[in-house]
C-alpha atoms as a PDB file:
ATOM      1  CA  MET A   1       1.684 -14.921   4.176  1.00  0.00           C
ATOM      2  CA  GLU A   2       0.216 -11.837   5.678  1.00  0.00           C
ATOM      3  CA  LEU A   3       2.069  -8.713   6.693  1.00  0.00           C
ATOM      4  CA  GLU A   4       1.484  -8.061  10.350  1.00  0.00           C
ATOM      5  CA  THR A   5       2.310  -4.465   9.833  1.00  0.00           C
ATOM      6  CA  LEU A   6      -0.728  -4.089   7.459  1.00  0.00           C
ATOM      7  CA  ARG A   7      -3.178  -4.853  10.223  1.00  0.00           C
ATOM      8  CA  PRO A   8      -5.344  -1.740  10.544  1.00  0.00           C
ATOM      9  CA  ASN A   9      -4.431   0.798  13.189  1.00  0.00           C
ATOM     10  CA  PRO A  10      -7.553   0.905  15.463  1.00  0.00           C
ATOM     11  CA  ALA A  11      -6.735   4.534  16.305  1.00  0.00           C
ATOM     12  CA  TRP A  12      -6.657   5.778  12.831  1.00  0.00           C
ATOM     13  CA  ASP A  13      -9.123   8.563  12.135  1.00  0.00           C
ATOM     14  CA  ALA A  14     -10.776   8.143   8.754  1.00  0.00           C
ATOM     15  CA  ASP A  15     -12.521  11.620   9.220  1.00  0.00           C
ATOM     16  CA  SER A  16      -9.193  13.311   8.967  1.00  0.00           C
ATOM     17  CA  TYR A  17      -8.623  11.710   5.493  1.00  0.00           C
ATOM     18  CA  GLU A  18     -12.165  11.984   4.128  1.00  0.00           C
ATOM     19  CA  GLU A  19     -11.191  12.871   0.556  1.00  0.00           C
ATOM     20  CA  ALA A  20      -8.512  10.213   0.234  1.00  0.00           C
ATOM     21  CA  VAL A  21     -10.927   7.524   1.639  1.00  0.00           C
ATOM     22  CA  ALA A  22     -13.616   8.718  -0.750  1.00  0.00           C
ATOM     23  CA  THR A  23     -11.275   8.432  -3.715  1.00  0.00           C
ATOM     24  CA  PHE A  24     -10.520   4.743  -2.727  1.00  0.00           C
ATOM     25  CA  GLU A  25     -14.266   4.112  -2.062  1.00  0.00           C
ATOM     26  CA  ALA A  26     -14.973   5.293  -5.657  1.00  0.00           C
ATOM     27  CA  VAL A  27     -12.499   2.970  -7.283  1.00  0.00           C
ATOM     28  CA  SER A  28     -12.630   0.011  -4.804  1.00  0.00           C
ATOM     29  CA  ASP A  29     -14.211  -2.406  -7.235  1.00  0.00           C
ATOM     30  CA  ASP A  30     -11.818  -1.229 -10.074  1.00  0.00           C
ATOM     31  CA  ILE A  31      -8.416  -1.740  -8.373  1.00  0.00           C
ATOM     32  CA  VAL A  32      -6.274  -4.229  -6.793  1.00  0.00           C
ATOM     33  CA  VAL A  33      -3.788  -2.937  -4.223  1.00  0.00           C
ATOM     34  CA  LYS A  34      -0.373  -4.684  -3.874  1.00  0.00           C
ATOM     35  CA  VAL A  35       1.792  -3.972  -0.858  1.00  0.00           C
ATOM     36  CA  TRP A  36       5.415  -4.997  -0.475  1.00  0.00           C
ATOM     37  CA  GLY A  37       6.787  -4.641   2.968  1.00  0.00           C
ATOM     38  CA  GLY A  38       8.533  -6.401   5.871  1.00  0.00           C
ATOM     39  CA  ASP A  39       7.525  -6.727   9.445  1.00  0.00           C
ATOM     40  CA  TRP A  40      11.216  -6.094  10.259  1.00  0.00           C
ATOM     41  CA  CYS A  41      11.187  -2.701   8.432  1.00  0.00           C
ATOM     42  CA  VAL A  42      10.934   0.404  10.597  1.00  0.00           C
ATOM     43  CA  ASP A  43       9.258   2.490   7.722  1.00  0.00           C
ATOM     44  CA  CYS A  44       6.738  -0.366   7.205  1.00  0.00           C
ATOM     45  CA  ARG A  45       5.938  -0.614  10.841  1.00  0.00           C
ATOM     46  CA  SER A  46       5.247   3.119  11.091  1.00  0.00           C
ATOM     47  CA  GLN A  47       3.245   3.551   7.831  1.00  0.00           C
ATOM     48  CA  LEU A  48       1.350   0.338   6.909  1.00  0.00           C
ATOM     49  CA  PRO A  49      -1.004   0.047   9.897  1.00  0.00           C
ATOM     50  CA  ASP A  50      -2.581   3.463   8.924  1.00  0.00           C
ATOM     51  CA  PHE A  51      -2.836   2.348   5.339  1.00  0.00           C
ATOM     52  CA  GLY A  52      -4.454  -0.844   6.316  1.00  0.00           C
ATOM     53  CA  ALA A  53      -6.974   1.082   8.317  1.00  0.00           C
ATOM     54  CA  ALA A  54      -7.545   3.442   5.277  1.00  0.00           C
ATOM     55  CA  MET A  55      -8.298   0.411   3.057  1.00  0.00           C
ATOM     56  CA  GLU A  56     -10.603  -1.039   5.578  1.00  0.00           C
ATOM     57  CA  ALA A  57     -12.430   2.376   5.893  1.00  0.00           C
ATOM     58  CA  ALA A  58     -12.668   2.619   2.100  1.00  0.00           C
ATOM     59  CA  GLY A  59     -13.988  -0.898   1.677  1.00  0.00           C
ATOM     60  CA  VAL A  60     -11.062  -2.052  -0.576  1.00  0.00           C
ATOM     61  CA  GLU A  61     -11.017  -5.762  -0.315  1.00  0.00           C
ATOM     62  CA  ALA A  62      -8.463  -6.561  -3.082  1.00  0.00           C
ATOM     63  CA  VAL A  63      -5.428  -5.910  -1.091  1.00  0.00           C
ATOM     64  CA  GLU A  64      -2.495  -8.385  -1.731  1.00  0.00           C
ATOM     65  CA  HIS A  65       0.401  -8.777   0.879  1.00  0.00           C
ATOM     66  CA  HIS A  66       3.872  -9.287  -0.499  1.00  0.00           C
ATOM     67  CA  PRO A  67       6.275  -9.968   2.310  1.00  0.00           C
ATOM     68  CA  VAL A  68       9.886  -8.889   1.520  1.00  0.00           C
ATOM     69  CA  GLU A  69      13.133 -10.079   3.098  1.00  0.00           C
ATOM     70  CA  LYS A  70      16.535  -8.409   2.906  1.00  0.00           C
ATOM     71  CA  ALA A  71      19.300 -10.376   1.151  1.00  0.00           C
ATOM     72  CA  ASP A  72      22.823 -10.333   2.372  1.00  0.00           C
ATOM     73  CA  ASP A  73      23.776  -7.728  -0.202  1.00  0.00           C
ATOM     74  CA  GLY A  74      20.889  -5.451   1.018  1.00  0.00           C
ATOM     75  CA  SER A  75      18.619  -6.123  -1.994  1.00  0.00           C
ATOM     76  CA  LYS A  76      14.958  -7.048  -1.497  1.00  0.00           C
ATOM     77  CA  VAL A  77      13.813 -10.608  -1.976  1.00  0.00           C
ATOM     78  CA  GLY A  78      10.227 -11.806  -2.301  1.00  0.00           C
ATOM     79  CA  PRO A  79       7.180 -12.396  -4.581  1.00  0.00           C
ATOM     80  CA  GLY A  80       7.012  -9.980  -7.377  1.00  0.00           C
ATOM     81  CA  VAL A  81      10.070  -8.018  -6.379  1.00  0.00           C
ATOM     82  CA  GLY A  82      11.752  -8.308  -9.736  1.00  0.00           C
ATOM     83  CA  ALA A  83       8.653  -7.876 -11.750  1.00  0.00           C
ATOM     84  CA  TYR A  84       7.697  -4.674 -10.002  1.00  0.00           C
ATOM     85  CA  ASP A  85      11.111  -3.217  -9.642  1.00  0.00           C
ATOM     86  CA  ILE A  86      10.792  -3.165  -5.785  1.00  0.00           C
ATOM     87  CA  GLU A  87      13.999  -1.669  -4.248  1.00  0.00           C
ATOM     88  CA  LEU A  88      12.593   0.215  -1.204  1.00  0.00           C
ATOM     89  CA  ILE A  89       9.859  -0.636   1.115  1.00  0.00           C
ATOM     90  CA  PRO A  90       7.003  -0.129   1.755  1.00  0.00           C
ATOM     91  CA  THR A  91       6.009  -0.068  -1.871  1.00  0.00           C
ATOM     92  CA  VAL A  92       2.330   0.084  -2.700  1.00  0.00           C
ATOM     93  CA  VAL A  93       0.988  -0.250  -6.217  1.00  0.00           C
ATOM     94  CA  ALA A  94      -2.591   0.209  -7.235  1.00  0.00           C
ATOM     95  CA  GLU A  95      -3.511  -1.553 -10.533  1.00  0.00           C
ATOM     96  CA  ASP A  96      -6.508  -1.630 -12.660  1.00  0.00           C
ATOM     97  CA  VAL A  97      -8.324  -4.956 -11.894  1.00  0.00           C
ATOM     98  CA  THR A  98      -9.224  -5.575 -15.594  1.00  0.00           C
ATOM     99  CA  SER A  99      -6.170  -4.492 -17.541  1.00  0.00           C
ATOM    100  CA  GLY A 100      -3.415  -4.791 -14.818  1.00  0.00           C
ATOM    101  CA  ALA A 101      -2.181  -1.401 -15.729  1.00  0.00           C
ATOM    102  CA  GLU A 102      -0.568   0.506 -12.958  1.00  0.00           C
ATOM    103  CA  ARG A 103      -2.624   3.480 -11.802  1.00  0.00           C
ATOM    104  CA  ALA A 104      -0.631   4.601  -8.753  1.00  0.00           C
ATOM    105  CA  ARG A 105       2.481   3.956  -6.817  1.00  0.00           C
ATOM    106  CA  PHE A 106       3.966   4.835  -3.382  1.00  0.00           C
ATOM    107  CA  VAL A 107       7.616   4.131  -2.605  1.00  0.00           C
ATOM    108  CA  GLU A 108       9.015   4.273   0.904  1.00  0.00           C
ATOM    109  CA  ASP A 109       8.111   7.793   1.999  1.00  0.00           C
ATOM    110  CA  ALA A 110       6.438  10.992   1.009  1.00  0.00           C
ATOM    111  CA  ASP A 111       5.392  14.238   2.504  1.00  0.00           C
ATOM    112  CA  VAL A 112       1.902  12.761   3.001  1.00  0.00           C
ATOM    113  CA  PRO A 113       0.560   9.502   4.229  1.00  0.00           C
ATOM    114  CA  ILE A 114       0.324   6.582   1.746  1.00  0.00           C
ATOM    115  CA  VAL A 115      -3.432   6.807   1.308  1.00  0.00           C
ATOM    116  CA  VAL A 116      -3.183  10.495   0.429  1.00  0.00           C
ATOM    117  CA  HIS A 117      -0.244  10.046  -1.952  1.00  0.00           C
ATOM    118  CA  LEU A 118      -2.005   7.324  -3.887  1.00  0.00           C
ATOM    119  CA  ALA A 119      -5.446   9.046  -3.764  1.00  0.00           C
ATOM    120  CA  GLU A 120      -3.830  12.081  -5.467  1.00  0.00           C
ATOM    121  CA  GLN A 121      -2.707   9.874  -8.344  1.00  0.00           C
ATOM    122  CA  LEU A 122      -5.868   8.035  -8.635  1.00  0.00           C
ATOM    123  CA  SER A 123      -7.897  11.181  -8.951  1.00  0.00           C
ATOM    124  CA  GLU A 124      -5.766  12.557 -11.691  1.00  0.00           C
END
């Protein structure tokens, strides 16, 4: 199942995020990006379309969608939620495609867009 909220925002300006896009371009064959979110989630609806556009601009093809639902007790339910300790969404994890090691993680919000937050970690 695909996350509707991860559809690229057609108005997103890649030139404004040139460094972050370049970082993802440089590692695009070496990572898989896993995105947990919900189309019902306000934070996901506001952040994921721009991130989807960034992944498209960077040529990252290995982007996995992990739709999440909210259980009656408020916890998150969906594929990989337990294995990746997903408590807040959106959560985005960049993993090494060969080893599966986590290279970067974004959880719910930051002072910068998702693509910038993850690019900073990937370039360390």
